[in-house]
Amino acid sequence: MTQKIATTLAAISLIILNVLDTILTLKYIKFGPLDEANPMMALLLQGDGCLFSFLKIFVVTILTFSLWYNRKNKIARSCLYVLSSFYFALLMWWFLVIFLI
């Protein structure tokens, strides 16, 4: 039972952290002083930001649900844990950058 809860929390946190990353990216890269390092995302950010936001949130959410749906598979669980940890570290980097600017 705890493994099911852990994978569900990892999936939920991954989606929430992705939304926060999207908001911070729009605020500090699209309308702020920072530059996007990912060339594909930089291309999407040249527009108004709506397409960027939609694609980023939609794609990550669909992939997260697909990993969560296959949570009985050890690789899918590992991917959820690694990706949620990655997004947590990314948000920590964002807060470091925000408070140093």
C-alpha atoms as a PDB file:
ATOM      1  CA  MET A   1       0.000   0.000   0.000  1.00  0.00           C
ATOM      2  CA  THR A   2       2.809   2.467   0.754  1.00  0.00           C
ATOM      3  CA  GLN A   3       4.333   1.928  -2.695  1.00  0.00           C
ATOM      4  CA  LYS A   4       1.023   2.941  -4.299  1.00  0.00           C
ATOM      5  CA  ILE A   5       0.894   6.072  -2.146  1.00  0.00           C
ATOM      6  CA  ALA A   6       4.524   6.918  -2.923  1.00  0.00           C
ATOM      7  CA  THR A   7       4.030   6.643  -6.680  1.00  0.00           C
ATOM      8  CA  THR A   8       0.816   8.665  -6.499  1.00  0.00           C
ATOM      9  CA  LEU A   9       2.570  11.400  -4.492  1.00  0.00           C
ATOM     10  CA  ALA A  10       5.473  11.361  -6.957  1.00  0.00           C
ATOM     11  CA  ALA A  11       3.060  11.773  -9.875  1.00  0.00           C
ATOM     12  CA  ILE A  12       1.116  14.576  -8.193  1.00  0.00           C
ATOM     13  CA  SER A  13       4.277  16.404  -7.163  1.00  0.00           C
ATOM     14  CA  LEU A  14       5.687  16.045 -10.679  1.00  0.00           C
ATOM     15  CA  ILE A  15       2.623  17.727 -12.178  1.00  0.00           C
ATOM     16  CA  ILE A  16       2.547  20.508  -9.552  1.00  0.00           C
ATOM     17  CA  LEU A  17       6.279  21.170  -9.841  1.00  0.00           C
ATOM     18  CA  ASN A  18       5.998  21.268 -13.628  1.00  0.00           C
ATOM     19  CA  VAL A  19       3.252  23.902 -13.413  1.00  0.00           C
ATOM     20  CA  LEU A  20       5.388  25.963 -11.029  1.00  0.00           C
ATOM     21  CA  ASP A  21       8.374  25.610 -13.364  1.00  0.00           C
ATOM     22  CA  THR A  22       6.215  26.798 -16.260  1.00  0.00           C
ATOM     23  CA  ILE A  23       5.063  29.864 -14.333  1.00  0.00           C
ATOM     24  CA  LEU A  24       8.588  30.755 -13.241  1.00  0.00           C
ATOM     25  CA  THR A  25       9.924  30.200 -16.751  1.00  0.00           C
ATOM     26  CA  LEU A  26       7.358  32.581 -18.181  1.00  0.00           C
ATOM     27  CA  LYS A  27       7.965  35.185 -15.500  1.00  0.00           C
ATOM     28  CA  TYR A  28      11.753  35.185 -15.443  1.00  0.00           C
ATOM     29  CA  ILE A  29      12.660  34.074 -18.967  1.00  0.00           C
ATOM     30  CA  LYS A  30       9.872  35.299 -21.242  1.00  0.00           C
ATOM     31  CA  PHE A  31       9.241  38.555 -19.390  1.00  0.00           C
ATOM     32  CA  GLY A  32      12.401  38.815 -17.297  1.00  0.00           C
ATOM     33  CA  PRO A  33      16.162  39.003 -17.452  1.00  0.00           C
ATOM     34  CA  LEU A  34      17.031  35.312 -17.974  1.00  0.00           C
ATOM     35  CA  ASP A  35      17.497  33.250 -21.156  1.00  0.00           C
ATOM     36  CA  GLU A  36      16.161  29.783 -21.953  1.00  0.00           C
ATOM     37  CA  ALA A  37      18.940  27.204 -22.369  1.00  0.00           C
ATOM     38  CA  ASN A  38      16.771  24.631 -24.158  1.00  0.00           C
ATOM     39  CA  PRO A  39      16.631  25.606 -27.862  1.00  0.00           C
ATOM     40  CA  MET A  40      13.228  23.968 -28.449  1.00  0.00           C
ATOM     41  CA  MET A  41      11.660  25.745 -25.500  1.00  0.00           C
ATOM     42  CA  ALA A  42      13.354  29.013 -26.499  1.00  0.00           C
ATOM     43  CA  LEU A  43      11.693  28.718 -29.903  1.00  0.00           C
ATOM     44  CA  LEU A  44       8.288  28.200 -28.271  1.00  0.00           C
ATOM     45  CA  LEU A  45       8.897  31.142 -25.935  1.00  0.00           C
ATOM     46  CA  GLN A  46       9.359  33.501 -28.886  1.00  0.00           C
ATOM     47  CA  GLY A  47       5.577  33.480 -29.270  1.00  0.00           C
ATOM     48  CA  ASP A  48       3.134  34.764 -26.698  1.00  0.00           C
ATOM     49  CA  GLY A  49       3.836  32.063 -24.136  1.00  0.00           C
ATOM     50  CA  CYS A  50       0.414  30.392 -24.298  1.00  0.00           C
ATOM     51  CA  LEU A  51       1.542  27.663 -26.679  1.00  0.00           C
ATOM     52  CA  PHE A  52       4.656  27.107 -24.568  1.00  0.00           C
ATOM     53  CA  SER A  53       2.588  26.809 -21.385  1.00  0.00           C
ATOM     54  CA  PHE A  54      -0.002  24.525 -22.926  1.00  0.00           C
ATOM     55  CA  LEU A  55       2.518  22.168 -24.525  1.00  0.00           C
ATOM     56  CA  LYS A  56       4.773  21.992 -21.480  1.00  0.00           C
ATOM     57  CA  ILE A  57       1.962  21.299 -19.037  1.00  0.00           C
ATOM     58  CA  PHE A  58       0.013  19.008 -21.393  1.00  0.00           C
ATOM     59  CA  VAL A  59       2.955  16.836 -22.460  1.00  0.00           C
ATOM     60  CA  VAL A  60       4.371  16.395 -18.971  1.00  0.00           C
ATOM     61  CA  THR A  61       0.917  15.646 -17.528  1.00  0.00           C
ATOM     62  CA  ILE A  62       0.122  13.034 -20.196  1.00  0.00           C
ATOM     63  CA  LEU A  63       3.522  11.370 -19.738  1.00  0.00           C
ATOM     64  CA  THR A  64       3.134  11.450 -15.961  1.00  0.00           C
ATOM     65  CA  PHE A  65      -0.276   9.777 -16.152  1.00  0.00           C
ATOM     66  CA  SER A  66       1.139   7.160 -18.481  1.00  0.00           C
ATOM     67  CA  LEU A  67       3.963   6.400 -16.022  1.00  0.00           C
ATOM     68  CA  TRP A  68       1.508   6.353 -13.125  1.00  0.00           C
ATOM     69  CA  TYR A  69      -0.843   4.037 -15.016  1.00  0.00           C
ATOM     70  CA  ASN A  70       2.081   1.614 -15.450  1.00  0.00           C
ATOM     71  CA  ARG A  71       3.231   2.050 -11.848  1.00  0.00           C
ATOM     72  CA  LYS A  72       3.425  -1.717 -11.308  1.00  0.00           C
ATOM     73  CA  ASN A  73       6.388  -1.698 -13.664  1.00  0.00           C
ATOM     74  CA  LYS A  74       9.622  -1.009 -11.775  1.00  0.00           C
ATOM     75  CA  ILE A  75      11.028   1.173 -14.562  1.00  0.00           C
ATOM     76  CA  ALA A  76       7.898   3.369 -14.625  1.00  0.00           C
ATOM     77  CA  ARG A  77       8.067   3.806 -10.837  1.00  0.00           C
ATOM     78  CA  SER A  78      11.755   4.653 -11.022  1.00  0.00           C
ATOM     79  CA  CYS A  79      11.078   7.205 -13.741  1.00  0.00           C
ATOM     80  CA  LEU A  80       8.399   8.860 -11.614  1.00  0.00           C
ATOM     81  CA  TYR A  81      10.736   9.078  -8.634  1.00  0.00           C
ATOM     82  CA  VAL A  82      13.675  10.375 -10.675  1.00  0.00           C
ATOM     83  CA  LEU A  83      11.603  12.941 -12.580  1.00  0.00           C
ATOM     84  CA  SER A  84       9.881  14.264  -9.475  1.00  0.00           C
ATOM     85  CA  SER A  85      13.295  14.561  -7.787  1.00  0.00           C
ATOM     86  CA  PHE A  86      14.632  16.351 -10.861  1.00  0.00           C
ATOM     87  CA  TYR A  87      11.752  18.835 -10.848  1.00  0.00           C
ATOM     88  CA  PHE A  88      12.183  19.382  -7.109  1.00  0.00           C
ATOM     89  CA  ALA A  89      15.876  20.193  -7.682  1.00  0.00           C
ATOM     90  CA  LEU A  90      14.899  22.464 -10.567  1.00  0.00           C
ATOM     91  CA  LEU A  91      12.494  24.377  -8.336  1.00  0.00           C
ATOM     92  CA  MET A  92      15.186  24.723  -5.692  1.00  0.00           C
ATOM     93  CA  TRP A  93      17.428  26.191  -8.408  1.00  0.00           C
ATOM     94  CA  TRP A  94      14.641  28.602  -9.371  1.00  0.00           C
ATOM     95  CA  PHE A  95      14.280  29.831  -5.807  1.00  0.00           C
ATOM     96  CA  LEU A  96      18.049  30.227  -5.546  1.00  0.00           C
ATOM     97  CA  VAL A  97      18.076  32.305  -8.728  1.00  0.00           C
ATOM     98  CA  ILE A  98      15.068  34.371  -7.663  1.00  0.00           C
ATOM     99  CA  PHE A  99      16.545  35.301  -4.310  1.00  0.00           C
ATOM    100  CA  LEU A 100      19.964  36.083  -5.792  1.00  0.00           C
ATOM    101  CA  ILE A 101      18.590  38.403  -8.494  1.00  0.00           C
END
